[in-house]
Amino acid sequence: MTTEVHIARGRPTKEYVLERTYQALQAFNDAQGLDFAQTKEDMSAFSISVYFVTSQQPQLGVLLSFDLELDFAVYTLTCEDSARLALLRDTLETFIGFETSDELLREAQESPTPRELVRLGRGFSGFHDTRVMKLLQQGLSADAPGMRRAAVLALLSLKWDVLLPDLRAAFERETDPEVRETMAFVQERLTVI
């Protein structure tokens, strides 16, 4: 099974995402010459999950109490067949639009906000990219508690234990109790991974 994670473009509403996902699945079926009954039988071969990230609900086991305007949709696609996964991704891309890793990175560099750091963490597909590491290190040292917390959550999403020394140093100097609690949680999770 191969899994891909994608971030939907912009700030789509749940209604928009559900409607466009349904339309994409219809087009996906049509492209394969399948009807709904055949697709139901075949659902074990692929899966789609959509997760809405908002500042009003727990994220990665941590409640975000800061006034962070996150609001974005994360798609996780899993499929046994790589050609079929590509068709599924391309079809959803046509109907929803996904951010590429380069776009997520550029947005975080141009407008380093908590939302952009968390989106980057959830959707970046590169491995130990030095540009992303630099953004996360800057986020861990930011003046605003929301930025520090967003950098920690991005680090958890990426599962990059290479930045554990930076996280430990940030934890030692952290004065905000909620950010400190998030840092402790993420340190524990990254140490186990």
N, C-alpha and C. Protein backbone atom coordinates (compact mmCIF):
# COMPACT_ATOMS: atom_id res chain seq x y z
N MET A 1 0.85 -1.18 0.00
CA MET A 1 0.00 0.00 0.00
C MET A 1 0.88 1.24 0.00
N THR A 2 0.55 2.19 -0.82
CA THR A 2 1.24 3.47 -0.88
C THR A 2 0.31 4.54 -0.36
N THR A 3 0.85 5.44 0.45
CA THR A 3 0.05 6.53 1.01
C THR A 3 0.66 7.87 0.63
N GLU A 4 -0.19 8.80 0.27
CA GLU A 4 0.22 10.17 -0.03
C GLU A 4 -0.64 11.12 0.80
N VAL A 5 -0.05 12.23 1.21
CA VAL A 5 -0.78 13.26 1.94
C VAL A 5 -0.73 14.53 1.11
N HIS A 6 -1.87 15.17 0.98
CA HIS A 6 -1.97 16.41 0.19
C HIS A 6 -2.79 17.44 0.95
N ILE A 7 -2.45 18.70 0.74
CA ILE A 7 -3.16 19.82 1.35
C ILE A 7 -4.00 20.49 0.26
N ALA A 8 -5.29 20.68 0.53
CA ALA A 8 -6.16 21.35 -0.44
C ALA A 8 -5.78 22.83 -0.53
N ARG A 9 -5.90 23.38 -1.72
CA ARG A 9 -5.58 24.80 -1.93
C ARG A 9 -6.55 25.70 -1.17
N GLY A 10 -6.05 26.84 -0.73
CA GLY A 10 -6.89 27.87 -0.15
C GLY A 10 -7.50 27.50 1.19
N ARG A 11 -8.67 28.04 1.44
CA ARG A 11 -9.43 27.79 2.68
C ARG A 11 -10.81 27.24 2.32
N PRO A 12 -10.84 26.00 1.83
CA PRO A 12 -12.12 25.45 1.39
C PRO A 12 -13.05 25.15 2.57
N THR A 13 -14.33 25.33 2.34
CA THR A 13 -15.31 24.97 3.36
C THR A 13 -15.52 23.46 3.32
N LYS A 14 -16.07 22.93 4.40
CA LYS A 14 -16.36 21.48 4.43
C LYS A 14 -17.34 21.11 3.32
N GLU A 15 -18.34 21.96 3.12
CA GLU A 15 -19.34 21.68 2.09
C GLU A 15 -18.69 21.60 0.71
N TYR A 16 -17.81 22.55 0.42
CA TYR A 16 -17.12 22.57 -0.87
C TYR A 16 -16.28 21.31 -1.04
N VAL A 17 -15.52 20.97 -0.02
CA VAL A 17 -14.64 19.80 -0.10
C VAL A 17 -15.45 18.52 -0.30
N LEU A 18 -16.53 18.37 0.45
CA LEU A 18 -17.35 17.16 0.31
C LEU A 18 -17.98 17.08 -1.08
N GLU A 19 -18.51 18.18 -1.56
CA GLU A 19 -19.14 18.20 -2.88
C GLU A 19 -18.11 17.89 -3.98
N ARG A 20 -16.97 18.56 -3.93
CA ARG A 20 -15.95 18.38 -4.96
C ARG A 20 -15.31 16.98 -4.86
N THR A 21 -15.19 16.44 -3.67
CA THR A 21 -14.65 15.09 -3.52
C THR A 21 -15.61 14.07 -4.13
N TYR A 22 -16.89 14.25 -3.88
CA TYR A 22 -17.90 13.37 -4.47
C TYR A 22 -17.84 13.43 -6.00
N GLN A 23 -17.73 14.64 -6.54
CA GLN A 23 -17.64 14.80 -7.99
C GLN A 23 -16.37 14.13 -8.53
N ALA A 24 -15.28 14.27 -7.79
CA ALA A 24 -14.01 13.66 -8.20
C ALA A 24 -14.13 12.13 -8.21
N LEU A 25 -14.79 11.57 -7.19
CA LEU A 25 -14.97 10.12 -7.14
C LEU A 25 -15.84 9.62 -8.30
N GLN A 26 -16.84 10.39 -8.66
CA GLN A 26 -17.65 10.02 -9.82
C GLN A 26 -16.78 10.00 -11.08
N ALA A 27 -15.95 11.03 -11.25
CA ALA A 27 -15.06 11.09 -12.41
C ALA A 27 -14.03 9.96 -12.38
N PHE A 28 -13.53 9.63 -11.17
CA PHE A 28 -12.58 8.53 -10.99
C PHE A 28 -13.22 7.21 -11.44
N ASN A 29 -14.47 6.98 -11.03
CA ASN A 29 -15.21 5.78 -11.44
C ASN A 29 -15.40 5.76 -12.95
N ASP A 30 -15.81 6.89 -13.51
CA ASP A 30 -16.04 6.97 -14.95
C ASP A 30 -14.76 6.66 -15.73
N ALA A 31 -13.63 7.16 -15.26
CA ALA A 31 -12.36 6.94 -15.94
C ALA A 31 -11.96 5.46 -15.95
N GLN A 32 -12.45 4.72 -14.95
CA GLN A 32 -12.14 3.29 -14.87
C GLN A 32 -13.26 2.43 -15.42
N GLY A 33 -14.36 3.07 -15.84
CA GLY A 33 -15.51 2.32 -16.35
C GLY A 33 -16.23 1.55 -15.28
N LEU A 34 -16.22 2.08 -14.05
CA LEU A 34 -16.87 1.41 -12.91
C LEU A 34 -18.17 2.11 -12.55
N ASP A 35 -19.13 1.33 -12.05
CA ASP A 35 -20.32 1.96 -11.48
C ASP A 35 -20.18 1.94 -9.96
N PHE A 36 -21.14 2.52 -9.27
CA PHE A 36 -21.04 2.66 -7.82
C PHE A 36 -20.93 1.30 -7.12
N ALA A 37 -21.69 0.31 -7.57
CA ALA A 37 -21.66 -1.01 -6.93
C ALA A 37 -20.28 -1.65 -7.06
N GLN A 38 -19.66 -1.52 -8.24
CA GLN A 38 -18.32 -2.07 -8.43
C GLN A 38 -17.30 -1.35 -7.55
N THR A 39 -17.48 -0.05 -7.42
CA THR A 39 -16.56 0.74 -6.59
C THR A 39 -16.70 0.34 -5.13
N LYS A 40 -17.93 0.11 -4.66
CA LYS A 40 -18.14 -0.33 -3.28
C LYS A 40 -17.40 -1.62 -3.00
N GLU A 41 -17.46 -2.57 -3.92
CA GLU A 41 -16.77 -3.84 -3.75
C GLU A 41 -15.26 -3.64 -3.76
N ASP A 42 -14.80 -2.63 -4.45
CA ASP A 42 -13.38 -2.40 -4.67
C ASP A 42 -12.78 -1.42 -3.65
N MET A 43 -13.55 -0.96 -2.69
CA MET A 43 -13.08 0.07 -1.75
C MET A 43 -11.89 -0.39 -0.91
N SER A 44 -11.70 -1.69 -0.77
CA SER A 44 -10.55 -2.15 0.02
C SER A 44 -9.24 -1.90 -0.72
N ALA A 45 -9.30 -1.66 -2.01
CA ALA A 45 -8.09 -1.44 -2.81
C ALA A 45 -7.58 0.00 -2.71
N PHE A 46 -8.44 0.92 -2.28
CA PHE A 46 -7.99 2.29 -2.10
C PHE A 46 -8.82 2.97 -1.01
N SER A 47 -8.28 4.03 -0.45
CA SER A 47 -9.04 4.79 0.53
C SER A 47 -8.67 6.27 0.43
N ILE A 48 -9.63 7.08 0.80
CA ILE A 48 -9.45 8.53 0.86
C ILE A 48 -9.95 8.98 2.21
N SER A 49 -9.15 9.75 2.91
CA SER A 49 -9.67 10.38 4.12
C SER A 49 -9.39 11.87 4.03
N VAL A 50 -10.32 12.64 4.53
CA VAL A 50 -10.18 14.09 4.55
C VAL A 50 -10.27 14.53 5.99
N TYR A 51 -9.29 15.31 6.41
CA TYR A 51 -9.23 15.81 7.78
C TYR A 51 -9.23 17.32 7.72
N PHE A 52 -10.16 17.93 8.42
CA PHE A 52 -10.23 19.38 8.45
C PHE A 52 -9.49 19.89 9.67
N VAL A 53 -8.48 20.69 9.46
CA VAL A 53 -7.69 21.25 10.54
C VAL A 53 -8.26 22.63 10.85
N THR A 54 -8.73 22.80 12.06
CA THR A 54 -9.23 24.11 12.49
C THR A 54 -8.62 24.44 13.83
N SER A 55 -8.69 25.71 14.18
CA SER A 55 -8.15 26.14 15.46
C SER A 55 -9.12 25.86 16.60
N GLN A 56 -10.29 25.32 16.28
CA GLN A 56 -11.30 25.07 17.30
C GLN A 56 -11.35 23.63 17.77
N GLN A 57 -10.42 22.79 17.32
CA GLN A 57 -10.45 21.38 17.71
C GLN A 57 -9.04 20.89 17.99
N PRO A 58 -8.91 19.78 18.69
CA PRO A 58 -7.57 19.26 18.98
C PRO A 58 -6.81 18.92 17.72
N GLN A 59 -5.53 19.19 17.71
CA GLN A 59 -4.66 18.87 16.58
C GLN A 59 -3.55 17.97 17.09
N LEU A 60 -3.44 16.81 16.50
CA LEU A 60 -2.35 15.90 16.85
C LEU A 60 -2.29 15.65 18.35
N GLY A 61 -3.45 15.56 18.98
CA GLY A 61 -3.50 15.28 20.41
C GLY A 61 -3.30 16.51 21.28
N VAL A 62 -3.22 17.70 20.69
CA VAL A 62 -2.97 18.91 21.47
C VAL A 62 -4.05 19.92 21.12
N LEU A 63 -4.71 20.46 22.12
CA LEU A 63 -5.73 21.47 21.87
C LEU A 63 -5.05 22.81 21.60
N LEU A 64 -5.39 23.42 20.47
CA LEU A 64 -4.83 24.72 20.15
C LEU A 64 -5.72 25.79 20.77
N SER A 65 -5.23 26.42 21.81
CA SER A 65 -6.03 27.45 22.45
C SER A 65 -5.65 28.84 21.96
N PHE A 66 -4.55 28.93 21.20
CA PHE A 66 -4.17 30.21 20.64
C PHE A 66 -5.13 30.58 19.53
N ASP A 67 -5.20 31.84 19.23
CA ASP A 67 -6.05 32.31 18.15
C ASP A 67 -5.33 32.08 16.83
N LEU A 68 -5.24 30.83 16.42
CA LEU A 68 -4.57 30.49 15.17
C LEU A 68 -5.62 30.26 14.10
N GLU A 69 -5.49 30.96 13.00
CA GLU A 69 -6.39 30.73 11.88
C GLU A 69 -5.78 29.67 10.99
N LEU A 70 -6.06 28.43 11.29
CA LEU A 70 -5.48 27.33 10.52
C LEU A 70 -6.36 26.97 9.34
N ASP A 71 -7.52 26.44 9.62
CA ASP A 71 -8.54 26.10 8.64
C ASP A 71 -8.02 25.68 7.27
N PHE A 72 -7.73 24.40 7.15
CA PHE A 72 -7.38 23.83 5.86
C PHE A 72 -7.75 22.35 5.87
N ALA A 73 -7.74 21.75 4.69
CA ALA A 73 -8.14 20.34 4.55
C ALA A 73 -6.94 19.50 4.13
N VAL A 74 -6.79 18.36 4.80
CA VAL A 74 -5.70 17.42 4.51
C VAL A 74 -6.32 16.15 3.93
N TYR A 75 -5.84 15.75 2.76
CA TYR A 75 -6.27 14.51 2.12
C TYR A 75 -5.20 13.45 2.31
N THR A 76 -5.61 12.26 2.72
CA THR A 76 -4.71 11.12 2.77
C THR A 76 -5.25 10.08 1.80
N LEU A 77 -4.43 9.74 0.82
CA LEU A 77 -4.82 8.78 -0.21
C LEU A 77 -3.97 7.52 -0.05
N THR A 78 -4.62 6.37 -0.05
CA THR A 78 -3.91 5.10 0.07
C THR A 78 -4.41 4.17 -1.02
N CYS A 79 -3.48 3.51 -1.68
CA CYS A 79 -3.87 2.61 -2.76
C CYS A 79 -2.80 1.54 -2.95
N GLU A 80 -3.24 0.33 -3.33
CA GLU A 80 -2.30 -0.76 -3.58
C GLU A 80 -1.58 -0.61 -4.91
N ASP A 81 -2.25 -0.02 -5.87
CA ASP A 81 -1.75 0.08 -7.24
C ASP A 81 -1.29 1.51 -7.50
N SER A 82 -0.01 1.69 -7.85
CA SER A 82 0.53 3.04 -8.02
C SER A 82 -0.11 3.78 -9.20
N ALA A 83 -0.46 3.07 -10.26
CA ALA A 83 -1.12 3.72 -11.40
C ALA A 83 -2.50 4.23 -10.99
N ARG A 84 -3.18 3.43 -10.22
CA ARG A 84 -4.52 3.82 -9.75
C ARG A 84 -4.41 4.98 -8.75
N LEU A 85 -3.39 4.95 -7.92
CA LEU A 85 -3.16 6.05 -6.98
C LEU A 85 -2.92 7.35 -7.75
N ALA A 86 -2.14 7.27 -8.81
CA ALA A 86 -1.88 8.46 -9.63
C ALA A 86 -3.17 8.99 -10.26
N LEU A 87 -4.02 8.08 -10.74
CA LEU A 87 -5.31 8.49 -11.31
C LEU A 87 -6.18 9.15 -10.25
N LEU A 88 -6.22 8.56 -9.06
CA LEU A 88 -7.00 9.12 -7.97
C LEU A 88 -6.49 10.51 -7.60
N ARG A 89 -5.16 10.65 -7.45
CA ARG A 89 -4.55 11.94 -7.11
C ARG A 89 -4.84 12.98 -8.18
N ASP A 90 -4.64 12.61 -9.44
CA ASP A 90 -4.84 13.55 -10.53
C ASP A 90 -6.30 13.99 -10.64
N THR A 91 -7.22 13.04 -10.42
CA THR A 91 -8.64 13.38 -10.48
C THR A 91 -9.01 14.34 -9.36
N LEU A 92 -8.55 14.03 -8.14
CA LEU A 92 -8.83 14.94 -7.02
C LEU A 92 -8.18 16.30 -7.24
N GLU A 93 -6.98 16.29 -7.80
CA GLU A 93 -6.27 17.55 -8.10
C GLU A 93 -7.10 18.42 -9.03
N THR A 94 -7.73 17.80 -10.01
CA THR A 94 -8.56 18.54 -10.96
C THR A 94 -9.75 19.18 -10.26
N PHE A 95 -10.37 18.47 -9.33
CA PHE A 95 -11.59 18.96 -8.69
C PHE A 95 -11.33 19.82 -7.46
N ILE A 96 -10.28 19.53 -6.72
CA ILE A 96 -9.99 20.23 -5.46
C ILE A 96 -8.82 21.18 -5.62
N GLY A 97 -7.74 20.68 -6.16
CA GLY A 97 -6.50 21.44 -6.24
C GLY A 97 -5.67 21.19 -5.00
N PHE A 98 -4.46 20.70 -5.17
CA PHE A 98 -3.56 20.44 -4.05
C PHE A 98 -2.36 21.36 -4.12
N GLU A 99 -1.84 21.70 -2.97
CA GLU A 99 -0.61 22.46 -2.88
C GLU A 99 0.56 21.49 -3.08
N THR A 100 1.56 21.91 -3.83
CA THR A 100 2.77 21.09 -3.93
C THR A 100 3.67 21.41 -2.74
N SER A 101 4.65 20.56 -2.48
CA SER A 101 5.61 20.83 -1.41
C SER A 101 6.30 22.17 -1.63
N ASP A 102 6.65 22.46 -2.89
CA ASP A 102 7.32 23.73 -3.20
C ASP A 102 6.40 24.92 -2.92
N GLU A 103 5.12 24.79 -3.23
CA GLU A 103 4.17 25.88 -2.96
C GLU A 103 4.01 26.08 -1.45
N LEU A 104 3.89 24.99 -0.70
CA LEU A 104 3.77 25.11 0.75
C LEU A 104 5.00 25.78 1.34
N LEU A 105 6.17 25.40 0.86
CA LEU A 105 7.41 25.99 1.34
C LEU A 105 7.48 27.47 1.00
N ARG A 106 7.17 27.82 -0.24
CA ARG A 106 7.21 29.22 -0.66
C ARG A 106 6.25 30.08 0.18
N GLU A 107 5.04 29.58 0.41
CA GLU A 107 4.06 30.32 1.20
C GLU A 107 4.55 30.52 2.63
N ALA A 108 5.17 29.49 3.20
CA ALA A 108 5.69 29.62 4.57
C ALA A 108 6.87 30.58 4.62
N GLN A 109 7.68 30.61 3.57
CA GLN A 109 8.81 31.54 3.54
C GLN A 109 8.34 32.98 3.34
N GLU A 110 7.34 33.17 2.47
CA GLU A 110 6.86 34.52 2.17
C GLU A 110 5.99 35.08 3.27
N SER A 111 5.23 34.23 3.91
CA SER A 111 4.31 34.67 4.96
C SER A 111 4.38 33.69 6.13
N PRO A 112 5.44 33.80 6.93
CA PRO A 112 5.60 32.83 8.03
C PRO A 112 4.58 33.08 9.15
N THR A 113 3.44 32.41 9.02
CA THR A 113 2.39 32.49 10.03
C THR A 113 2.22 31.10 10.65
N PRO A 114 1.55 31.01 11.79
CA PRO A 114 1.30 29.68 12.35
C PRO A 114 0.59 28.75 11.37
N ARG A 115 -0.39 29.28 10.66
CA ARG A 115 -1.13 28.46 9.68
C ARG A 115 -0.19 27.88 8.64
N GLU A 116 0.68 28.70 8.09
CA GLU A 116 1.57 28.24 7.03
C GLU A 116 2.58 27.21 7.55
N LEU A 117 3.06 27.39 8.78
CA LEU A 117 3.98 26.39 9.35
C LEU A 117 3.30 25.05 9.56
N VAL A 118 2.07 25.06 10.08
CA VAL A 118 1.35 23.81 10.31
C VAL A 118 1.02 23.14 8.98
N ARG A 119 0.58 23.92 7.99
CA ARG A 119 0.30 23.36 6.66
C ARG A 119 1.56 22.74 6.05
N LEU A 120 2.68 23.43 6.20
CA LEU A 120 3.94 22.91 5.69
C LEU A 120 4.28 21.58 6.34
N GLY A 121 4.10 21.51 7.65
CA GLY A 121 4.37 20.27 8.37
C GLY A 121 3.47 19.13 7.92
N ARG A 122 2.21 19.43 7.68
CA ARG A 122 1.27 18.38 7.28
C ARG A 122 1.46 17.94 5.84
N GLY A 123 1.88 18.84 4.95
CA GLY A 123 1.88 18.51 3.54
C GLY A 123 3.22 18.40 2.85
N PHE A 124 4.32 18.68 3.55
CA PHE A 124 5.62 18.64 2.89
C PHE A 124 6.06 17.20 2.71
N SER A 125 6.47 16.86 1.50
CA SER A 125 6.82 15.46 1.23
C SER A 125 8.32 15.23 1.13
N GLY A 126 9.12 16.27 1.25
CA GLY A 126 10.57 16.09 1.18
C GLY A 126 11.11 15.49 2.46
N PHE A 127 12.37 15.16 2.45
CA PHE A 127 12.99 14.54 3.62
C PHE A 127 14.12 15.42 4.11
N HIS A 128 14.01 15.91 5.32
CA HIS A 128 15.04 16.73 5.96
C HIS A 128 15.53 17.86 5.06
N ASP A 129 14.61 18.56 4.45
CA ASP A 129 14.93 19.70 3.60
C ASP A 129 15.47 20.83 4.48
N THR A 130 16.65 21.34 4.15
CA THR A 130 17.29 22.36 4.99
C THR A 130 16.47 23.65 5.05
N ARG A 131 15.73 23.97 3.98
CA ARG A 131 14.91 25.19 3.99
C ARG A 131 13.76 25.06 4.99
N VAL A 132 13.17 23.88 5.06
CA VAL A 132 12.09 23.64 6.00
C VAL A 132 12.64 23.63 7.43
N MET A 133 13.79 22.98 7.61
CA MET A 133 14.41 22.95 8.95
C MET A 133 14.69 24.37 9.44
N LYS A 134 15.17 25.22 8.56
CA LYS A 134 15.46 26.61 8.93
C LYS A 134 14.18 27.34 9.37
N LEU A 135 13.09 27.15 8.63
CA LEU A 135 11.81 27.76 9.01
C LEU A 135 11.34 27.26 10.37
N LEU A 136 11.48 25.97 10.62
CA LEU A 136 11.05 25.41 11.90
C LEU A 136 11.94 25.91 13.04
N GLN A 137 13.23 26.01 12.80
CA GLN A 137 14.14 26.56 13.82
C GLN A 137 13.78 28.01 14.13
N GLN A 138 13.47 28.79 13.09
CA GLN A 138 13.04 30.17 13.31
C GLN A 138 11.73 30.21 14.09
N GLY A 139 10.82 29.30 13.73
CA GLY A 139 9.54 29.23 14.43
C GLY A 139 9.71 28.89 15.90
N LEU A 140 10.64 27.98 16.21
CA LEU A 140 10.89 27.61 17.61
C LEU A 140 11.45 28.76 18.42
N SER A 141 12.08 29.72 17.75
CA SER A 141 12.68 30.87 18.43
C SER A 141 11.86 32.14 18.29
N ALA A 142 10.69 32.06 17.68
CA ALA A 142 9.86 33.25 17.43
C ALA A 142 9.40 33.88 18.74
N ASP A 143 9.09 35.16 18.68
CA ASP A 143 8.58 35.87 19.85
C ASP A 143 7.16 35.44 20.21
N ALA A 144 6.33 35.20 19.21
CA ALA A 144 4.92 34.87 19.45
C ALA A 144 4.76 33.40 19.86
N PRO A 145 4.05 33.14 20.96
CA PRO A 145 3.82 31.76 21.38
C PRO A 145 3.13 30.92 20.32
N GLY A 146 2.22 31.51 19.54
CA GLY A 146 1.52 30.78 18.49
C GLY A 146 2.46 30.27 17.42
N MET A 147 3.47 31.06 17.09
CA MET A 147 4.46 30.62 16.10
C MET A 147 5.30 29.48 16.65
N ARG A 148 5.69 29.58 17.91
CA ARG A 148 6.49 28.51 18.51
C ARG A 148 5.70 27.21 18.55
N ARG A 149 4.45 27.31 18.93
CA ARG A 149 3.61 26.11 19.00
C ARG A 149 3.36 25.52 17.61
N ALA A 150 3.15 26.38 16.62
CA ALA A 150 2.94 25.90 15.25
C ALA A 150 4.19 25.18 14.74
N ALA A 151 5.36 25.70 15.05
CA ALA A 151 6.61 25.04 14.63
C ALA A 151 6.72 23.66 15.27
N VAL A 152 6.32 23.55 16.52
CA VAL A 152 6.36 22.26 17.23
C VAL A 152 5.38 21.27 16.58
N LEU A 153 4.18 21.73 16.26
CA LEU A 153 3.19 20.85 15.63
C LEU A 153 3.64 20.44 14.23
N ALA A 154 4.27 21.35 13.51
CA ALA A 154 4.80 21.00 12.18
C ALA A 154 5.88 19.94 12.31
N LEU A 155 6.72 20.10 13.31
CA LEU A 155 7.80 19.13 13.55
C LEU A 155 7.21 17.75 13.87
N LEU A 156 6.16 17.71 14.64
CA LEU A 156 5.51 16.44 14.96
C LEU A 156 4.93 15.80 13.69
N SER A 157 4.30 16.59 12.85
CA SER A 157 3.73 16.05 11.62
C SER A 157 4.81 15.48 10.71
N LEU A 158 5.93 16.18 10.62
CA LEU A 158 7.02 15.73 9.76
C LEU A 158 7.77 14.52 10.34
N LYS A 159 7.71 14.39 11.66
CA LYS A 159 8.39 13.29 12.37
C LYS A 159 9.90 13.34 12.15
N TRP A 160 10.44 14.54 12.14
CA TRP A 160 11.88 14.74 11.92
C TRP A 160 12.59 14.81 13.26
N ASP A 161 13.09 13.69 13.72
CA ASP A 161 13.81 13.68 14.99
C ASP A 161 15.16 14.38 14.91
N VAL A 162 15.60 14.70 13.70
CA VAL A 162 16.86 15.42 13.54
C VAL A 162 16.81 16.80 14.22
N LEU A 163 15.61 17.34 14.42
CA LEU A 163 15.47 18.64 15.08
C LEU A 163 15.18 18.52 16.58
N LEU A 164 15.30 17.30 17.12
CA LEU A 164 15.10 17.12 18.57
C LEU A 164 16.02 18.00 19.41
N PRO A 165 17.30 18.16 19.08
CA PRO A 165 18.15 19.05 19.88
C PRO A 165 17.63 20.50 19.90
N ASP A 166 17.12 20.96 18.76
CA ASP A 166 16.55 22.31 18.70
C ASP A 166 15.29 22.39 19.56
N LEU A 167 14.48 21.36 19.51
CA LEU A 167 13.25 21.33 20.31
C LEU A 167 13.58 21.30 21.80
N ARG A 168 14.58 20.52 22.18
CA ARG A 168 14.98 20.46 23.59
C ARG A 168 15.50 21.81 24.08
N ALA A 169 16.29 22.48 23.25
CA ALA A 169 16.80 23.81 23.62
C ALA A 169 15.66 24.81 23.74
N ALA A 170 14.69 24.73 22.82
CA ALA A 170 13.53 25.63 22.89
C ALA A 170 12.71 25.34 24.14
N PHE A 171 12.58 24.07 24.50
CA PHE A 171 11.84 23.68 25.69
C PHE A 171 12.48 24.29 26.95
N GLU A 172 13.80 24.26 27.01
CA GLU A 172 14.52 24.79 28.18
C GLU A 172 14.28 26.29 28.38
N ARG A 173 14.13 27.03 27.30
CA ARG A 173 13.95 28.48 27.43
C ARG A 173 12.48 28.92 27.35
N GLU A 174 11.56 27.96 27.10
CA GLU A 174 10.15 28.30 26.94
C GLU A 174 9.53 28.76 28.25
N THR A 175 8.80 29.86 28.21
CA THR A 175 8.14 30.41 29.40
C THR A 175 6.63 30.24 29.36
N ASP A 176 6.05 30.05 28.20
CA ASP A 176 4.60 29.89 28.09
C ASP A 176 4.23 28.46 28.48
N PRO A 177 3.36 28.28 29.49
CA PRO A 177 3.03 26.93 29.95
C PRO A 177 2.37 26.05 28.89
N GLU A 178 1.50 26.61 28.05
CA GLU A 178 0.83 25.80 27.03
C GLU A 178 1.80 25.37 25.94
N VAL A 179 2.68 26.27 25.53
CA VAL A 179 3.68 25.90 24.51
C VAL A 179 4.63 24.86 25.09
N ARG A 180 5.00 25.06 26.33
CA ARG A 180 5.90 24.13 27.00
C ARG A 180 5.28 22.73 27.07
N GLU A 181 4.00 22.67 27.38
CA GLU A 181 3.29 21.39 27.44
C GLU A 181 3.28 20.71 26.06
N THR A 182 3.05 21.50 25.01
CA THR A 182 3.07 20.97 23.64
C THR A 182 4.45 20.45 23.30
N MET A 183 5.47 21.21 23.67
CA MET A 183 6.85 20.79 23.40
C MET A 183 7.19 19.48 24.09
N ALA A 184 6.75 19.34 25.33
CA ALA A 184 7.01 18.10 26.08
C ALA A 184 6.33 16.92 25.39
N PHE A 185 5.10 17.11 24.97
CA PHE A 185 4.35 16.07 24.28
C PHE A 185 5.07 15.65 23.00
N VAL A 186 5.51 16.62 22.21
CA VAL A 186 6.14 16.33 20.92
C VAL A 186 7.51 15.69 21.13
N GLN A 187 8.26 16.16 22.13
CA GLN A 187 9.56 15.52 22.42
C GLN A 187 9.38 14.04 22.72
N GLU A 188 8.37 13.75 23.52
CA GLU A 188 8.09 12.36 23.89
C GLU A 188 7.72 11.54 22.65
N ARG A 189 6.87 12.09 21.80
CA ARG A 189 6.44 11.38 20.60
C ARG A 189 7.59 11.16 19.63
N LEU A 190 8.43 12.16 19.44
CA LEU A 190 9.54 12.04 18.48
C LEU A 190 10.62 11.10 19.00
N THR A 191 10.76 11.01 20.31
CA THR A 191 11.74 10.11 20.89
C THR A 191 11.33 8.66 20.70
N VAL A 192 10.02 8.41 20.69
CA VAL A 192 9.47 7.07 20.53
C VAL A 192 9.52 6.62 19.07
N ILE A 193 9.37 7.56 18.14
CA ILE A 193 9.30 7.24 16.71
C ILE A 193 10.58 6.62 16.21
